[in-house]
Amino acid sequence: MTHHSALVSLFDRLAADGTADHYEALHDDVARQVLDAMEVRPGHQLLDAGCGAGWVTRRLGKKAPGAQAVGIDASAAMISRADEVSDWTSRARFECMTIEDIDFPDGRFDHVFALDTLEYVEDLAAAASSLARVTKEGGRLEVVVHRHAGAPQAAAWSEADGVPMHHLDAEGWTAVLEGAGFTVASAEVVKDSREAPPFEATPLAPDEATRDAALRDAGLLWIRATR
């Protein structure tokens, strides 16, 4: 099985068995912190790369009057689920495509967002270059990495998911993004700030201790960059 087939098969399954619907509760607070820091203006165009069931895309589409958000995902089942649960009020739409080969014109987006996504792509340099191509000059990139080198327990996720995954530190991610034409402004760990976030089991976090080790202890790596 190719990397692409394995990746699509994994996320098709997560869409079908309902796992994808739990990710909003899992990442809600971290996503809120990142979204709150984004300076989205009326009419801005936003891309959610690896959108899954589309919950971040819908939030992006509500960030400013007239802002338009597009979510892309390699899994047709995820796109179908995103369409199914869309509230149709957030100026968000969804399309099935890979991050390595984004089918939008050069300089299309003011903001690009990628949460728990780039870890999974096969060709990381190609994916970063594809994101750079569709980002406007001066546009912003927000990358949030769940499986990073500062989270050692995440090293096992690749085998559990059955898909090869990247496991870089902040310097590694910075090198990849700057090699694609971005200028990295900051790389920091962001942690779930909720005192007692609701727990919903997922295949990679079957219990609260495992969830807390990844979200509340190691945190997620947040990289901010400009095109």
N, C-alpha and C. Protein backbone atom coordinates (compact mmCIF):
# COMPACT_ATOMS: atom_id res chain seq x y z
N MET A 1 0.85 -1.20 0.00
CA MET A 1 0.00 0.00 0.00
C MET A 1 0.88 1.25 0.00
N THR A 2 0.56 2.20 -0.85
CA THR A 2 1.33 3.43 -0.90
C THR A 2 1.03 4.30 0.32
N HIS A 3 1.91 5.28 0.54
CA HIS A 3 1.68 6.22 1.66
C HIS A 3 0.33 6.92 1.49
N HIS A 4 0.04 7.39 0.26
CA HIS A 4 -1.22 8.09 0.02
C HIS A 4 -2.42 7.19 0.32
N SER A 5 -2.36 5.94 -0.15
CA SER A 5 -3.48 5.02 0.08
C SER A 5 -3.68 4.75 1.56
N ALA A 6 -2.55 4.57 2.28
CA ALA A 6 -2.64 4.31 3.71
C ALA A 6 -3.22 5.52 4.45
N LEU A 7 -2.79 6.71 4.03
CA LEU A 7 -3.28 7.93 4.68
C LEU A 7 -4.78 8.12 4.45
N VAL A 8 -5.20 7.97 3.21
CA VAL A 8 -6.61 8.13 2.89
C VAL A 8 -7.44 7.07 3.60
N SER A 9 -6.95 5.83 3.62
CA SER A 9 -7.68 4.75 4.28
C SER A 9 -7.86 5.05 5.76
N LEU A 10 -6.79 5.55 6.41
CA LEU A 10 -6.87 5.89 7.83
C LEU A 10 -7.93 6.94 8.09
N PHE A 11 -7.89 8.05 7.34
CA PHE A 11 -8.81 9.14 7.64
C PHE A 11 -10.22 8.88 7.11
N ASP A 12 -10.36 8.06 6.08
CA ASP A 12 -11.70 7.62 5.70
C ASP A 12 -12.33 6.84 6.85
N ARG A 13 -11.52 5.98 7.48
CA ARG A 13 -12.04 5.19 8.61
C ARG A 13 -12.39 6.08 9.80
N LEU A 14 -11.53 7.06 10.10
CA LEU A 14 -11.80 7.95 11.24
C LEU A 14 -13.03 8.81 11.01
N ALA A 15 -13.31 9.12 9.74
CA ALA A 15 -14.53 9.86 9.42
C ALA A 15 -15.76 8.96 9.59
N ALA A 16 -15.63 7.71 9.16
CA ALA A 16 -16.78 6.81 9.18
C ALA A 16 -17.12 6.33 10.58
N ASP A 17 -16.09 6.10 11.43
CA ASP A 17 -16.39 5.53 12.75
C ASP A 17 -16.67 6.59 13.82
N GLY A 18 -16.67 7.86 13.42
CA GLY A 18 -17.02 8.93 14.34
C GLY A 18 -15.86 9.53 15.11
N THR A 19 -14.65 8.96 14.96
CA THR A 19 -13.49 9.48 15.68
C THR A 19 -13.23 10.94 15.34
N ALA A 20 -13.38 11.29 14.08
CA ALA A 20 -13.10 12.67 13.64
C ALA A 20 -13.97 13.68 14.36
N ASP A 21 -15.16 13.28 14.76
CA ASP A 21 -16.06 14.21 15.43
C ASP A 21 -15.60 14.55 16.85
N HIS A 22 -14.65 13.77 17.39
CA HIS A 22 -14.14 14.04 18.73
C HIS A 22 -12.98 15.02 18.74
N TYR A 23 -12.40 15.30 17.58
CA TYR A 23 -11.19 16.12 17.56
C TYR A 23 -11.44 17.57 17.97
N GLU A 24 -12.63 18.07 17.75
CA GLU A 24 -12.92 19.45 18.16
C GLU A 24 -12.81 19.58 19.68
N ALA A 25 -13.39 18.64 20.41
CA ALA A 25 -13.30 18.68 21.88
C ALA A 25 -11.86 18.50 22.33
N LEU A 26 -11.11 17.66 21.63
CA LEU A 26 -9.73 17.39 22.01
C LEU A 26 -8.85 18.62 21.85
N HIS A 27 -8.98 19.30 20.71
CA HIS A 27 -8.08 20.40 20.38
C HIS A 27 -8.71 21.78 20.54
N ASP A 28 -9.90 21.84 21.12
CA ASP A 28 -10.65 23.09 21.16
C ASP A 28 -9.85 24.25 21.74
N ASP A 29 -9.22 24.06 22.89
CA ASP A 29 -8.55 25.17 23.57
C ASP A 29 -7.29 25.61 22.84
N VAL A 30 -6.50 24.67 22.37
CA VAL A 30 -5.30 25.02 21.61
C VAL A 30 -5.68 25.77 20.34
N ALA A 31 -6.68 25.27 19.64
CA ALA A 31 -7.13 25.96 18.42
C ALA A 31 -7.62 27.36 18.74
N ARG A 32 -8.33 27.50 19.84
CA ARG A 32 -8.83 28.83 20.23
C ARG A 32 -7.67 29.81 20.43
N GLN A 33 -6.64 29.36 21.10
CA GLN A 33 -5.49 30.24 21.34
C GLN A 33 -4.86 30.71 20.03
N VAL A 34 -4.73 29.79 19.09
CA VAL A 34 -4.11 30.15 17.81
C VAL A 34 -5.04 31.05 17.00
N LEU A 35 -6.30 30.70 16.94
CA LEU A 35 -7.26 31.49 16.16
C LEU A 35 -7.41 32.90 16.73
N ASP A 36 -7.37 33.02 18.05
CA ASP A 36 -7.48 34.34 18.67
C ASP A 36 -6.31 35.23 18.29
N ALA A 37 -5.16 34.64 18.03
CA ALA A 37 -3.96 35.41 17.70
C ALA A 37 -3.91 35.81 16.22
N MET A 38 -4.77 35.23 15.40
CA MET A 38 -4.75 35.52 13.97
C MET A 38 -5.47 36.85 13.69
N GLU A 39 -4.83 37.70 12.91
CA GLU A 39 -5.40 39.00 12.56
C GLU A 39 -6.13 38.89 11.22
N VAL A 40 -7.33 38.34 11.30
CA VAL A 40 -8.14 38.15 10.10
C VAL A 40 -8.99 39.40 9.89
N ARG A 41 -8.94 39.94 8.69
CA ARG A 41 -9.67 41.16 8.36
C ARG A 41 -10.83 40.86 7.42
N PRO A 42 -11.80 41.77 7.33
CA PRO A 42 -12.94 41.54 6.43
C PRO A 42 -12.47 41.22 5.01
N GLY A 43 -13.05 40.20 4.46
CA GLY A 43 -12.74 39.82 3.10
C GLY A 43 -11.53 38.94 2.93
N HIS A 44 -10.81 38.65 3.99
CA HIS A 44 -9.64 37.80 3.88
C HIS A 44 -10.02 36.39 3.40
N GLN A 45 -9.08 35.78 2.68
CA GLN A 45 -9.25 34.42 2.18
C GLN A 45 -8.38 33.50 3.03
N LEU A 46 -8.98 32.41 3.52
CA LEU A 46 -8.29 31.53 4.46
C LEU A 46 -8.34 30.09 4.00
N LEU A 47 -7.23 29.38 4.21
CA LEU A 47 -7.13 27.97 3.85
C LEU A 47 -6.88 27.15 5.12
N ASP A 48 -7.68 26.11 5.31
CA ASP A 48 -7.48 25.14 6.38
C ASP A 48 -6.95 23.86 5.73
N ALA A 49 -5.64 23.64 5.84
CA ALA A 49 -4.99 22.52 5.16
C ALA A 49 -5.06 21.27 6.03
N GLY A 50 -5.72 20.22 5.52
CA GLY A 50 -5.95 19.02 6.32
C GLY A 50 -7.09 19.25 7.28
N CYS A 51 -8.24 19.63 6.74
CA CYS A 51 -9.35 20.15 7.55
C CYS A 51 -10.12 19.08 8.31
N GLY A 52 -9.96 17.81 7.94
CA GLY A 52 -10.76 16.78 8.59
C GLY A 52 -12.25 17.05 8.44
N ALA A 53 -12.97 16.99 9.55
CA ALA A 53 -14.42 17.22 9.50
C ALA A 53 -14.81 18.69 9.46
N GLY A 54 -13.81 19.57 9.38
CA GLY A 54 -14.10 20.96 9.05
C GLY A 54 -14.40 21.91 10.18
N TRP A 55 -14.15 21.50 11.42
CA TRP A 55 -14.56 22.37 12.53
C TRP A 55 -13.72 23.65 12.60
N VAL A 56 -12.42 23.56 12.30
CA VAL A 56 -11.60 24.78 12.28
C VAL A 56 -11.98 25.65 11.09
N THR A 57 -12.25 25.04 9.96
CA THR A 57 -12.63 25.80 8.76
C THR A 57 -13.85 26.67 9.05
N ARG A 58 -14.82 26.10 9.73
CA ARG A 58 -16.03 26.86 10.05
C ARG A 58 -15.72 28.02 10.99
N ARG A 59 -14.83 27.81 11.92
CA ARG A 59 -14.44 28.92 12.82
C ARG A 59 -13.69 30.00 12.04
N LEU A 60 -12.83 29.59 11.14
CA LEU A 60 -12.10 30.58 10.33
C LEU A 60 -13.05 31.44 9.53
N GLY A 61 -14.09 30.82 8.98
CA GLY A 61 -15.04 31.56 8.16
C GLY A 61 -15.87 32.56 8.93
N LYS A 62 -15.80 32.50 10.27
CA LYS A 62 -16.54 33.44 11.11
C LYS A 62 -15.63 34.48 11.77
N LYS A 63 -14.35 34.48 11.39
CA LYS A 63 -13.38 35.35 12.06
C LYS A 63 -13.58 36.83 11.75
N ALA A 64 -14.11 37.15 10.58
CA ALA A 64 -14.29 38.55 10.20
C ALA A 64 -15.38 38.64 9.14
N PRO A 65 -16.08 39.77 9.06
CA PRO A 65 -17.12 39.92 8.05
C PRO A 65 -16.57 39.70 6.65
N GLY A 66 -17.24 38.85 5.90
CA GLY A 66 -16.84 38.60 4.52
C GLY A 66 -15.64 37.71 4.35
N ALA A 67 -15.03 37.24 5.44
CA ALA A 67 -13.93 36.30 5.31
C ALA A 67 -14.44 35.00 4.72
N GLN A 68 -13.63 34.40 3.87
CA GLN A 68 -14.01 33.16 3.20
C GLN A 68 -12.98 32.08 3.53
N ALA A 69 -13.44 30.93 4.00
CA ALA A 69 -12.54 29.84 4.38
C ALA A 69 -12.78 28.62 3.50
N VAL A 70 -11.69 27.98 3.11
CA VAL A 70 -11.74 26.74 2.35
C VAL A 70 -10.98 25.68 3.12
N GLY A 71 -11.59 24.53 3.32
CA GLY A 71 -10.92 23.40 3.95
C GLY A 71 -10.60 22.35 2.91
N ILE A 72 -9.38 21.83 2.94
CA ILE A 72 -9.00 20.76 2.02
C ILE A 72 -8.53 19.55 2.81
N ASP A 73 -8.77 18.37 2.26
CA ASP A 73 -8.34 17.14 2.90
C ASP A 73 -8.21 16.07 1.82
N ALA A 74 -7.26 15.17 2.01
CA ALA A 74 -7.06 14.09 1.04
C ALA A 74 -8.13 13.02 1.14
N SER A 75 -8.85 12.99 2.25
CA SER A 75 -9.88 11.98 2.48
C SER A 75 -11.24 12.47 1.99
N ALA A 76 -11.79 11.78 1.00
CA ALA A 76 -13.12 12.15 0.50
C ALA A 76 -14.18 11.96 1.59
N ALA A 77 -13.98 10.97 2.46
CA ALA A 77 -14.95 10.74 3.53
C ALA A 77 -14.94 11.89 4.54
N MET A 78 -13.76 12.46 4.80
CA MET A 78 -13.69 13.62 5.69
C MET A 78 -14.39 14.83 5.07
N ILE A 79 -14.17 15.04 3.78
CA ILE A 79 -14.83 16.16 3.10
C ILE A 79 -16.34 15.97 3.13
N SER A 80 -16.79 14.73 2.91
CA SER A 80 -18.22 14.45 2.95
C SER A 80 -18.78 14.73 4.34
N ARG A 81 -18.02 14.35 5.37
CA ARG A 81 -18.47 14.60 6.74
C ARG A 81 -18.49 16.10 7.04
N ALA A 82 -17.49 16.83 6.56
CA ALA A 82 -17.44 18.27 6.76
C ALA A 82 -18.66 18.94 6.12
N ASP A 83 -19.00 18.52 4.92
CA ASP A 83 -20.19 19.06 4.26
C ASP A 83 -21.46 18.70 5.04
N GLU A 84 -21.49 17.49 5.54
CA GLU A 84 -22.69 17.00 6.24
C GLU A 84 -22.98 17.80 7.50
N VAL A 85 -21.95 18.16 8.24
CA VAL A 85 -22.16 18.84 9.52
C VAL A 85 -22.00 20.36 9.40
N SER A 86 -21.79 20.87 8.20
CA SER A 86 -21.63 22.31 8.02
C SER A 86 -22.88 23.04 8.45
N ASP A 87 -22.68 24.22 9.07
CA ASP A 87 -23.83 25.00 9.52
C ASP A 87 -24.30 25.99 8.46
N TRP A 88 -23.55 26.07 7.36
CA TRP A 88 -23.91 26.92 6.22
C TRP A 88 -24.00 28.40 6.58
N THR A 89 -23.45 28.80 7.70
CA THR A 89 -23.47 30.22 8.08
C THR A 89 -22.07 30.79 8.25
N SER A 90 -21.05 29.97 8.06
CA SER A 90 -19.70 30.39 8.40
C SER A 90 -18.84 30.74 7.19
N ARG A 91 -19.42 30.80 6.01
CA ARG A 91 -18.66 31.10 4.79
C ARG A 91 -17.49 30.13 4.66
N ALA A 92 -17.77 28.84 4.81
CA ALA A 92 -16.76 27.79 4.70
C ALA A 92 -17.21 26.78 3.66
N ARG A 93 -16.26 26.33 2.85
CA ARG A 93 -16.54 25.25 1.90
C ARG A 93 -15.37 24.29 1.92
N PHE A 94 -15.58 23.11 1.31
CA PHE A 94 -14.62 22.02 1.46
C PHE A 94 -14.34 21.35 0.11
N GLU A 95 -13.07 20.99 -0.10
CA GLU A 95 -12.67 20.32 -1.33
C GLU A 95 -11.66 19.23 -1.03
N CYS A 96 -11.73 18.15 -1.79
CA CYS A 96 -10.84 17.02 -1.60
C CYS A 96 -9.60 17.20 -2.47
N MET A 97 -8.42 17.33 -1.82
CA MET A 97 -7.14 17.43 -2.53
C MET A 97 -6.02 17.22 -1.53
N THR A 98 -4.83 16.90 -2.03
CA THR A 98 -3.69 16.73 -1.16
C THR A 98 -2.99 18.06 -0.94
N ILE A 99 -2.26 18.16 0.16
CA ILE A 99 -1.52 19.39 0.45
C ILE A 99 -0.34 19.53 -0.50
N GLU A 100 0.23 18.41 -0.94
CA GLU A 100 1.36 18.49 -1.87
C GLU A 100 0.96 19.04 -3.23
N ASP A 101 -0.31 18.96 -3.56
CA ASP A 101 -0.78 19.39 -4.89
C ASP A 101 -2.08 20.17 -4.74
N ILE A 102 -1.98 21.37 -4.17
CA ILE A 102 -3.16 22.20 -3.92
C ILE A 102 -3.63 22.85 -5.22
N ASP A 103 -4.88 22.64 -5.55
CA ASP A 103 -5.43 23.12 -6.81
C ASP A 103 -6.09 24.48 -6.65
N PHE A 104 -5.27 25.48 -6.28
CA PHE A 104 -5.70 26.87 -6.22
C PHE A 104 -4.62 27.74 -6.85
N PRO A 105 -4.98 28.93 -7.32
CA PRO A 105 -3.99 29.80 -7.97
C PRO A 105 -2.92 30.29 -7.00
N ASP A 106 -1.83 30.72 -7.55
CA ASP A 106 -0.75 31.30 -6.75
C ASP A 106 -1.27 32.50 -5.95
N GLY A 107 -0.80 32.63 -4.72
CA GLY A 107 -1.14 33.80 -3.91
C GLY A 107 -2.61 33.95 -3.60
N ARG A 108 -3.32 32.84 -3.47
CA ARG A 108 -4.78 32.88 -3.29
C ARG A 108 -5.19 33.28 -1.88
N PHE A 109 -4.38 32.95 -0.85
CA PHE A 109 -4.85 33.05 0.53
C PHE A 109 -4.05 34.05 1.36
N ASP A 110 -4.78 34.78 2.22
CA ASP A 110 -4.16 35.69 3.18
C ASP A 110 -3.63 34.94 4.39
N HIS A 111 -4.32 33.87 4.76
CA HIS A 111 -3.93 33.07 5.92
C HIS A 111 -4.04 31.59 5.56
N VAL A 112 -3.05 30.82 6.01
CA VAL A 112 -3.08 29.37 5.87
C VAL A 112 -2.92 28.77 7.27
N PHE A 113 -3.77 27.81 7.58
CA PHE A 113 -3.80 27.18 8.89
C PHE A 113 -3.65 25.67 8.70
N ALA A 114 -2.81 25.04 9.53
CA ALA A 114 -2.66 23.58 9.46
C ALA A 114 -2.48 23.04 10.87
N LEU A 115 -3.47 22.31 11.36
CA LEU A 115 -3.45 21.74 12.70
C LEU A 115 -3.37 20.22 12.62
N ASP A 116 -2.32 19.65 13.23
CA ASP A 116 -2.20 18.19 13.31
C ASP A 116 -2.30 17.57 11.91
N THR A 117 -1.56 18.16 10.96
CA THR A 117 -1.71 17.80 9.55
C THR A 117 -0.39 17.47 8.86
N LEU A 118 0.56 18.40 8.94
CA LEU A 118 1.79 18.23 8.17
C LEU A 118 2.62 17.05 8.66
N GLU A 119 2.38 16.58 9.87
CA GLU A 119 3.07 15.39 10.35
C GLU A 119 2.81 14.19 9.44
N TYR A 120 1.66 14.19 8.77
CA TYR A 120 1.22 13.01 8.03
C TYR A 120 1.61 13.00 6.55
N VAL A 121 1.98 14.14 5.97
CA VAL A 121 2.19 14.17 4.53
C VAL A 121 3.40 13.32 4.15
N GLU A 122 3.40 12.80 2.95
CA GLU A 122 4.52 11.97 2.50
C GLU A 122 5.75 12.82 2.18
N ASP A 123 5.55 13.85 1.36
CA ASP A 123 6.66 14.70 0.92
C ASP A 123 6.52 16.05 1.61
N LEU A 124 7.22 16.22 2.73
CA LEU A 124 7.05 17.42 3.54
C LEU A 124 7.54 18.66 2.80
N ALA A 125 8.65 18.57 2.09
CA ALA A 125 9.16 19.72 1.35
C ALA A 125 8.17 20.15 0.27
N ALA A 126 7.57 19.19 -0.42
CA ALA A 126 6.59 19.51 -1.46
C ALA A 126 5.34 20.13 -0.85
N ALA A 127 4.92 19.63 0.30
CA ALA A 127 3.73 20.18 0.96
C ALA A 127 3.99 21.62 1.40
N ALA A 128 5.16 21.89 1.97
CA ALA A 128 5.49 23.25 2.41
C ALA A 128 5.57 24.19 1.22
N SER A 129 6.15 23.73 0.12
CA SER A 129 6.24 24.56 -1.08
C SER A 129 4.87 24.84 -1.68
N SER A 130 3.98 23.84 -1.61
CA SER A 130 2.62 24.02 -2.11
C SER A 130 1.88 25.07 -1.28
N LEU A 131 2.05 25.02 0.04
CA LEU A 131 1.42 26.02 0.91
C LEU A 131 1.99 27.41 0.63
N ALA A 132 3.31 27.48 0.42
CA ALA A 132 3.93 28.78 0.13
C ALA A 132 3.41 29.35 -1.18
N ARG A 133 3.20 28.49 -2.16
CA ARG A 133 2.75 28.96 -3.47
C ARG A 133 1.38 29.63 -3.40
N VAL A 134 0.48 29.07 -2.59
CA VAL A 134 -0.89 29.61 -2.56
C VAL A 134 -1.07 30.71 -1.51
N THR A 135 -0.01 31.03 -0.77
CA THR A 135 -0.07 32.10 0.22
C THR A 135 0.36 33.42 -0.41
N LYS A 136 -0.39 34.47 -0.17
CA LYS A 136 -0.05 35.78 -0.71
C LYS A 136 1.27 36.28 -0.13
N GLU A 137 1.96 37.14 -0.88
CA GLU A 137 3.12 37.80 -0.32
C GLU A 137 2.69 38.59 0.91
N GLY A 138 3.36 38.37 2.02
CA GLY A 138 2.97 39.00 3.28
C GLY A 138 1.90 38.23 4.03
N GLY A 139 1.38 37.15 3.43
CA GLY A 139 0.37 36.34 4.09
C GLY A 139 0.96 35.54 5.23
N ARG A 140 0.09 35.03 6.10
CA ARG A 140 0.52 34.35 7.32
C ARG A 140 0.22 32.86 7.28
N LEU A 141 1.12 32.11 7.88
CA LEU A 141 0.97 30.67 8.03
C LEU A 141 0.99 30.32 9.51
N GLU A 142 0.02 29.51 9.93
CA GLU A 142 -0.04 29.00 11.30
C GLU A 142 0.00 27.47 11.21
N VAL A 143 1.09 26.89 11.69
CA VAL A 143 1.23 25.43 11.72
C VAL A 143 1.22 24.97 13.17
N VAL A 144 0.35 24.04 13.49
CA VAL A 144 0.28 23.49 14.85
C VAL A 144 0.52 21.98 14.74
N VAL A 145 1.62 21.54 15.35
CA VAL A 145 2.09 20.17 15.21
C VAL A 145 1.87 19.40 16.50
N HIS A 146 1.10 18.35 16.43
CA HIS A 146 0.84 17.53 17.61
C HIS A 146 1.97 16.52 17.83
N ARG A 147 2.42 15.91 16.76
CA ARG A 147 3.50 14.91 16.86
C ARG A 147 4.84 15.60 16.60
N HIS A 148 5.46 16.11 17.66
CA HIS A 148 6.73 16.80 17.51
C HIS A 148 7.76 16.18 18.44
N ALA A 149 9.03 16.53 18.26
CA ALA A 149 10.11 15.86 18.99
C ALA A 149 10.07 16.16 20.48
N GLY A 150 9.39 17.22 20.87
CA GLY A 150 9.25 17.53 22.29
C GLY A 150 8.16 16.72 22.97
N ALA A 151 7.49 15.87 22.20
CA ALA A 151 6.45 15.00 22.75
C ALA A 151 6.85 13.56 22.49
N PRO A 152 7.75 13.00 23.30
CA PRO A 152 8.30 11.67 23.01
C PRO A 152 7.26 10.57 22.93
N GLN A 153 6.17 10.71 23.69
CA GLN A 153 5.15 9.66 23.65
C GLN A 153 4.48 9.57 22.28
N ALA A 154 4.61 10.66 21.48
CA ALA A 154 3.97 10.67 20.17
C ALA A 154 4.74 9.86 19.13
N ALA A 155 5.94 9.43 19.46
CA ALA A 155 6.74 8.66 18.50
C ALA A 155 6.04 7.36 18.10
N ALA A 156 5.21 6.82 18.99
CA ALA A 156 4.54 5.55 18.71
C ALA A 156 3.32 5.69 17.82
N TRP A 157 2.88 6.93 17.56
CA TRP A 157 1.64 7.11 16.83
C TRP A 157 1.72 6.61 15.39
N SER A 158 2.89 6.70 14.79
CA SER A 158 3.02 6.28 13.40
C SER A 158 2.68 4.80 13.25
N GLU A 159 3.25 3.99 14.11
CA GLU A 159 2.96 2.56 14.05
C GLU A 159 1.49 2.29 14.36
N ALA A 160 0.94 3.00 15.34
CA ALA A 160 -0.46 2.79 15.71
C ALA A 160 -1.40 3.15 14.57
N ASP A 161 -1.07 4.21 13.84
CA ASP A 161 -1.93 4.65 12.74
C ASP A 161 -1.66 3.89 11.45
N GLY A 162 -0.50 3.26 11.35
CA GLY A 162 -0.16 2.53 10.14
C GLY A 162 0.27 3.43 8.99
N VAL A 163 0.74 4.64 9.34
CA VAL A 163 1.18 5.61 8.32
C VAL A 163 2.50 6.22 8.77
N PRO A 164 3.52 6.26 7.92
CA PRO A 164 4.76 6.95 8.30
C PRO A 164 4.46 8.42 8.61
N MET A 165 5.09 8.94 9.68
CA MET A 165 4.83 10.32 10.10
C MET A 165 6.15 11.01 10.43
N HIS A 166 6.17 12.33 10.27
CA HIS A 166 7.33 13.13 10.62
C HIS A 166 7.35 13.40 12.13
N HIS A 167 8.55 13.53 12.69
CA HIS A 167 8.70 13.74 14.12
C HIS A 167 9.87 14.70 14.34
N LEU A 168 9.66 15.97 13.97
CA LEU A 168 10.72 16.98 13.98
C LEU A 168 10.64 17.87 15.21
N ASP A 169 11.77 18.49 15.55
CA ASP A 169 11.76 19.51 16.58
C ASP A 169 11.52 20.88 15.95
N ALA A 170 11.51 21.93 16.76
CA ALA A 170 11.20 23.27 16.24
C ALA A 170 12.19 23.69 15.16
N GLU A 171 13.47 23.37 15.36
CA GLU A 171 14.47 23.73 14.36
C GLU A 171 14.23 23.00 13.04
N GLY A 172 13.81 21.74 13.13
CA GLY A 172 13.53 20.99 11.91
C GLY A 172 12.37 21.55 11.14
N TRP A 173 11.29 21.89 11.85
CA TRP A 173 10.13 22.48 11.18
C TRP A 173 10.46 23.84 10.60
N THR A 174 11.25 24.62 11.32
CA THR A 174 11.66 25.94 10.81
C THR A 174 12.45 25.79 9.52
N ALA A 175 13.35 24.84 9.47
CA ALA A 175 14.16 24.62 8.27
C ALA A 175 13.29 24.24 7.07
N VAL A 176 12.31 23.38 7.30
CA VAL A 176 11.43 22.97 6.21
C VAL A 176 10.63 24.15 5.67
N LEU A 177 10.05 24.93 6.56
CA LEU A 177 9.20 26.05 6.13
C LEU A 177 10.03 27.16 5.49
N GLU A 178 11.18 27.46 6.04
CA GLU A 178 12.01 28.50 5.44
C GLU A 178 12.60 28.04 4.11
N GLY A 179 12.82 26.74 3.98
CA GLY A 179 13.27 26.21 2.69
C GLY A 179 12.23 26.36 1.61
N ALA A 180 10.96 26.45 2.00
CA ALA A 180 9.86 26.60 1.04
C ALA A 180 9.57 28.07 0.72
N GLY A 181 10.21 29.00 1.44
CA GLY A 181 10.01 30.41 1.15
C GLY A 181 9.30 31.20 2.23
N PHE A 182 8.98 30.56 3.36
CA PHE A 182 8.39 31.28 4.49
C PHE A 182 9.49 31.86 5.37
N THR A 183 9.15 32.89 6.11
CA THR A 183 10.02 33.41 7.17
C THR A 183 9.37 33.09 8.50
N VAL A 184 9.99 32.25 9.29
CA VAL A 184 9.42 31.84 10.57
C VAL A 184 9.62 32.94 11.60
N ALA A 185 8.54 33.38 12.20
CA ALA A 185 8.59 34.44 13.21
C ALA A 185 8.73 33.89 14.62
N SER A 186 8.12 32.73 14.87
CA SER A 186 8.19 32.15 16.22
C SER A 186 7.84 30.67 16.17
N ALA A 187 8.35 29.95 17.15
CA ALA A 187 8.02 28.53 17.33
C ALA A 187 7.93 28.30 18.83
N GLU A 188 6.77 27.98 19.32
CA GLU A 188 6.56 27.82 20.76
C GLU A 188 5.62 26.67 21.03
N VAL A 189 5.71 26.16 22.23
CA VAL A 189 4.79 25.11 22.66
C VAL A 189 3.54 25.75 23.23
N VAL A 190 2.39 25.29 22.77
CA VAL A 190 1.11 25.79 23.29
C VAL A 190 0.39 24.61 23.93
N LYS A 191 -0.12 24.86 25.15
CA LYS A 191 -0.74 23.78 25.92
C LYS A 191 -2.21 24.08 26.18
N ASP A 192 -2.95 23.03 26.37
CA ASP A 192 -4.36 23.16 26.72
C ASP A 192 -4.46 23.84 28.08
N SER A 193 -5.17 24.97 28.12
CA SER A 193 -5.25 25.75 29.36
C SER A 193 -6.47 25.43 30.20
N ARG A 194 -7.30 24.52 29.75
CA ARG A 194 -8.50 24.20 30.51
C ARG A 194 -8.13 23.42 31.79
N GLU A 195 -8.80 23.76 32.87
CA GLU A 195 -8.51 23.08 34.13
C GLU A 195 -8.87 21.61 34.07
N ALA A 196 -9.98 21.33 33.44
CA ALA A 196 -10.42 19.95 33.33
C ALA A 196 -11.13 19.77 31.99
N PRO A 197 -10.36 19.66 30.91
CA PRO A 197 -10.99 19.51 29.60
C PRO A 197 -11.79 18.22 29.52
N PRO A 198 -12.90 18.24 28.80
CA PRO A 198 -13.71 17.02 28.69
C PRO A 198 -12.91 15.92 28.02
N PHE A 199 -13.09 14.70 28.47
CA PHE A 199 -12.36 13.57 27.90
C PHE A 199 -13.26 12.74 27.01
N GLU A 200 -12.77 12.51 25.80
CA GLU A 200 -13.40 11.59 24.88
C GLU A 200 -12.30 10.72 24.30
N ALA A 201 -12.41 9.43 24.46
CA ALA A 201 -11.36 8.52 24.03
C ALA A 201 -11.18 8.53 22.50
N THR A 202 -9.94 8.46 22.07
CA THR A 202 -9.60 8.29 20.65
C THR A 202 -8.60 7.14 20.58
N PRO A 203 -8.35 6.61 19.37
CA PRO A 203 -7.39 5.50 19.27
C PRO A 203 -6.01 5.83 19.83
N LEU A 204 -5.56 7.09 19.72
CA LEU A 204 -4.24 7.47 20.21
C LEU A 204 -4.27 7.99 21.64
N ALA A 205 -5.45 8.25 22.16
CA ALA A 205 -5.60 8.70 23.55
C ALA A 205 -6.76 7.94 24.19
N PRO A 206 -6.54 6.67 24.50
CA PRO A 206 -7.64 5.84 25.02
C PRO A 206 -8.03 6.13 26.45
N ASP A 207 -7.17 6.90 27.18
CA ASP A 207 -7.48 7.23 28.56
C ASP A 207 -6.99 8.65 28.85
N GLU A 208 -7.41 9.19 29.99
CA GLU A 208 -7.09 10.58 30.31
C GLU A 208 -5.60 10.81 30.53
N ALA A 209 -4.91 9.84 31.09
CA ALA A 209 -3.47 10.00 31.35
C ALA A 209 -2.71 10.16 30.04
N THR A 210 -3.07 9.36 29.06
CA THR A 210 -2.41 9.45 27.75
C THR A 210 -2.74 10.77 27.08
N ARG A 211 -4.00 11.18 27.16
CA ARG A 211 -4.41 12.46 26.59
C ARG A 211 -3.66 13.61 27.23
N ASP A 212 -3.58 13.60 28.55
CA ASP A 212 -2.93 14.70 29.27
C ASP A 212 -1.44 14.77 28.98
N ALA A 213 -0.80 13.64 28.78
CA ALA A 213 0.63 13.63 28.47
C ALA A 213 0.90 14.34 27.16
N ALA A 214 -0.02 14.19 26.21
CA ALA A 214 0.19 14.80 24.90
C ALA A 214 -0.27 16.25 24.84
N LEU A 215 -1.37 16.57 25.49
CA LEU A 215 -1.95 17.91 25.37
C LEU A 215 -1.50 18.85 26.48
N ARG A 216 -1.50 18.38 27.70
CA ARG A 216 -1.29 19.27 28.85
C ARG A 216 0.17 19.28 29.31
N ASP A 217 0.91 18.21 29.05
CA ASP A 217 2.30 18.14 29.48
C ASP A 217 3.25 18.54 28.35
N ALA A 218 3.25 17.78 27.27
CA ALA A 218 4.15 18.08 26.14
C ALA A 218 3.63 19.25 25.32
N GLY A 219 2.31 19.39 25.20
CA GLY A 219 1.74 20.46 24.40
C GLY A 219 1.92 20.24 22.91
N LEU A 220 1.46 21.19 22.13
CA LEU A 220 1.60 21.17 20.68
C LEU A 220 2.58 22.27 20.26
N LEU A 221 3.30 22.02 19.19
CA LEU A 221 4.26 23.00 18.69
C LEU A 221 3.57 23.93 17.70
N TRP A 222 3.61 25.22 17.98
CA TRP A 222 2.95 26.24 17.17
C TRP A 222 4.01 27.08 16.46
N ILE A 223 3.99 27.02 15.15
CA ILE A 223 4.96 27.76 14.34
C ILE A 223 4.22 28.83 13.54
N ARG A 224 4.64 30.09 13.68
CA ARG A 224 4.05 31.22 12.97
C ARG A 224 5.06 31.70 11.92
N ALA A 225 4.57 31.89 10.71
CA ALA A 225 5.48 32.29 9.63
C ALA A 225 4.78 33.26 8.69
N THR A 226 5.57 33.97 7.94
CA THR A 226 5.08 34.94 6.95
C THR A 226 5.67 34.55 5.59
N ARG A 227 4.87 34.75 4.56
CA ARG A 227 5.33 34.47 3.19
C ARG A 227 6.10 35.64 2.67
